Amino acid sequence: MFALARLVIIGFVVLSVVYVCLSLYSRARRREKLEQAWDAAKGPGARAQYIREGLEAYDGSLRRKLIWGVYVVPSLTVALIIYLTNFA
């Protein structure tokens, strides 16, 4: 039982680090694309406002929600392996 608790805690910490890194990277890439789009078109309005509105739209996007798969996919895979090892 202690081994399972240790696996869950260490797994959660590792997945949290991966999630934070992936989330920050994805947001930075989106910001970069917004900056390039504004620079190319000499966009309407202020640059900072354009980027802020684009990032607000990104916060509600599907891509942002898919990053949560970092927790779901490995957790389900480990649960399936444990089940198949012990009960199949």
C-alpha atoms as a PDB file:
ATOM      1  CA  MET A   1       0.000   0.000   0.000  1.00  0.00           C
ATOM      2  CA  PHE A   2       2.883   2.346   0.794  1.00  0.00           C
ATOM      3  CA  ALA A   3       4.381   1.673  -2.632  1.00  0.00           C
ATOM      4  CA  LEU A   4       1.129   2.693  -4.330  1.00  0.00           C
ATOM      5  CA  ALA A   5       0.938   5.927  -2.314  1.00  0.00           C
ATOM      6  CA  ARG A   6       4.549   6.704  -3.196  1.00  0.00           C
ATOM      7  CA  LEU A   7       3.832   6.015  -6.896  1.00  0.00           C
ATOM      8  CA  VAL A   8       0.793   8.289  -6.851  1.00  0.00           C
ATOM      9  CA  ILE A   9       2.578  11.150  -5.090  1.00  0.00           C
ATOM     10  CA  ILE A  10       5.708  11.011  -7.237  1.00  0.00           C
ATOM     11  CA  GLY A  11       3.601  10.589 -10.372  1.00  0.00           C
ATOM     12  CA  PHE A  12       1.478  13.600  -9.468  1.00  0.00           C
ATOM     13  CA  VAL A  13       4.554  15.759  -8.874  1.00  0.00           C
ATOM     14  CA  VAL A  14       6.180  14.693 -12.154  1.00  0.00           C
ATOM     15  CA  LEU A  15       2.965  15.184 -14.132  1.00  0.00           C
ATOM     16  CA  SER A  16       2.455  18.586 -12.518  1.00  0.00           C
ATOM     17  CA  VAL A  17       5.920  19.704 -13.599  1.00  0.00           C
ATOM     18  CA  VAL A  18       5.257  18.453 -17.136  1.00  0.00           C
ATOM     19  CA  TYR A  19       1.859  20.190 -17.183  1.00  0.00           C
ATOM     20  CA  VAL A  20       3.250  23.528 -16.025  1.00  0.00           C
ATOM     21  CA  CYS A  21       6.113  23.403 -18.537  1.00  0.00           C
ATOM     22  CA  LEU A  22       3.812  22.425 -21.395  1.00  0.00           C
ATOM     23  CA  SER A  23       1.242  25.050 -20.450  1.00  0.00           C
ATOM     24  CA  LEU A  24       3.840  27.835 -20.262  1.00  0.00           C
ATOM     25  CA  TYR A  25       5.408  26.743 -23.548  1.00  0.00           C
ATOM     26  CA  SER A  26       2.053  26.626 -25.327  1.00  0.00           C
ATOM     27  CA  ARG A  27       1.055  30.058 -24.017  1.00  0.00           C
ATOM     28  CA  ALA A  28       4.417  31.534 -25.050  1.00  0.00           C
ATOM     29  CA  ARG A  29       4.050  30.100 -28.557  1.00  0.00           C
ATOM     30  CA  ARG A  30       0.545  31.557 -28.828  1.00  0.00           C
ATOM     31  CA  ARG A  31       1.794  34.948 -27.653  1.00  0.00           C
ATOM     32  CA  GLU A  32       4.598  34.792 -30.214  1.00  0.00           C
ATOM     33  CA  LYS A  33       2.139  34.011 -33.016  1.00  0.00           C
ATOM     34  CA  LEU A  34      -0.111  36.886 -31.952  1.00  0.00           C
ATOM     35  CA  GLU A  35       2.846  39.270 -31.944  1.00  0.00           C
ATOM     36  CA  GLN A  36       3.891  38.120 -35.410  1.00  0.00           C
ATOM     37  CA  ALA A  37       0.343  38.437 -36.735  1.00  0.00           C
ATOM     38  CA  TRP A  38       0.008  41.968 -35.381  1.00  0.00           C
ATOM     39  CA  ASP A  39       3.425  42.968 -36.748  1.00  0.00           C
ATOM     40  CA  ALA A  40       2.667  41.537 -40.191  1.00  0.00           C
ATOM     41  CA  ALA A  41      -0.693  43.263 -40.515  1.00  0.00           C
ATOM     42  CA  LYS A  42       0.194  46.362 -38.480  1.00  0.00           C
ATOM     43  CA  GLY A  43      -2.946  45.340 -36.717  1.00  0.00           C
ATOM     44  CA  PRO A  44      -5.842  47.421 -35.592  1.00  0.00           C
ATOM     45  CA  GLY A  45      -5.549  49.113 -32.233  1.00  0.00           C
ATOM     46  CA  ALA A  46      -2.783  48.841 -29.706  1.00  0.00           C
ATOM     47  CA  ARG A  47      -0.431  45.876 -29.857  1.00  0.00           C
ATOM     48  CA  ALA A  48      -0.734  45.081 -26.143  1.00  0.00           C
ATOM     49  CA  GLN A  49      -4.522  45.088 -26.307  1.00  0.00           C
ATOM     50  CA  TYR A  50      -4.502  42.809 -29.375  1.00  0.00           C
ATOM     51  CA  ILE A  51      -2.212  40.339 -27.625  1.00  0.00           C
ATOM     52  CA  ARG A  52      -4.197  40.466 -24.371  1.00  0.00           C
ATOM     53  CA  GLU A  53      -7.470  39.755 -26.199  1.00  0.00           C
ATOM     54  CA  GLY A  54      -5.842  36.930 -28.160  1.00  0.00           C
ATOM     55  CA  LEU A  55      -4.530  35.331 -24.994  1.00  0.00           C
ATOM     56  CA  GLU A  56      -7.948  35.644 -23.346  1.00  0.00           C
ATOM     57  CA  ALA A  57      -9.421  33.790 -26.308  1.00  0.00           C
ATOM     58  CA  TYR A  58      -6.645  31.189 -25.978  1.00  0.00           C
ATOM     59  CA  ASP A  59      -7.516  30.624 -22.307  1.00  0.00           C
ATOM     60  CA  GLY A  60     -10.930  29.297 -23.348  1.00  0.00           C
ATOM     61  CA  SER A  61      -9.665  27.298 -26.320  1.00  0.00           C
ATOM     62  CA  LEU A  62      -9.734  23.562 -26.881  1.00  0.00           C
ATOM     63  CA  ARG A  63      -5.925  23.371 -26.991  1.00  0.00           C
ATOM     64  CA  ARG A  64      -5.716  24.712 -23.460  1.00  0.00           C
ATOM     65  CA  LYS A  65      -8.142  22.024 -22.291  1.00  0.00           C
ATOM     66  CA  LEU A  66      -6.312  19.255 -24.130  1.00  0.00           C
ATOM     67  CA  ILE A  67      -3.189  19.951 -22.106  1.00  0.00           C
ATOM     68  CA  TRP A  68      -5.053  18.416 -19.148  1.00  0.00           C
ATOM     69  CA  GLY A  69      -4.481  15.114 -20.979  1.00  0.00           C
ATOM     70  CA  VAL A  70      -1.043  15.186 -19.360  1.00  0.00           C
ATOM     71  CA  TYR A  71      -2.766  13.982 -16.193  1.00  0.00           C
ATOM     72  CA  VAL A  72      -5.408  11.748 -17.731  1.00  0.00           C
ATOM     73  CA  VAL A  73      -3.498   9.627 -20.265  1.00  0.00           C
ATOM     74  CA  PRO A  74      -0.579   8.490 -18.046  1.00  0.00           C
ATOM     75  CA  SER A  75      -2.901   7.889 -15.079  1.00  0.00           C
ATOM     76  CA  LEU A  76      -5.220   5.684 -17.119  1.00  0.00           C
ATOM     77  CA  THR A  77      -2.256   3.848 -18.643  1.00  0.00           C
ATOM     78  CA  VAL A  78      -0.746   3.062 -15.236  1.00  0.00           C
ATOM     79  CA  ALA A  79      -4.157   1.994 -13.895  1.00  0.00           C
ATOM     80  CA  LEU A  80      -4.648  -0.306 -16.888  1.00  0.00           C
ATOM     81  CA  ILE A  81      -1.181  -1.846 -16.467  1.00  0.00           C
ATOM     82  CA  ILE A  82      -1.789  -2.421 -12.750  1.00  0.00           C
ATOM     83  CA  TYR A  83      -5.170  -3.998 -13.479  1.00  0.00           C
ATOM     84  CA  LEU A  84      -3.835  -6.267 -16.211  1.00  0.00           C
ATOM     85  CA  THR A  85      -0.857  -7.312 -14.101  1.00  0.00           C
ATOM     86  CA  ASN A  86      -2.904  -8.188 -11.041  1.00  0.00           C
ATOM     87  CA  PHE A  87      -6.297  -9.335 -12.311  1.00  0.00           C
ATOM     88  CA  ALA A  88      -5.990 -10.549 -15.884  1.00  0.00           C
END
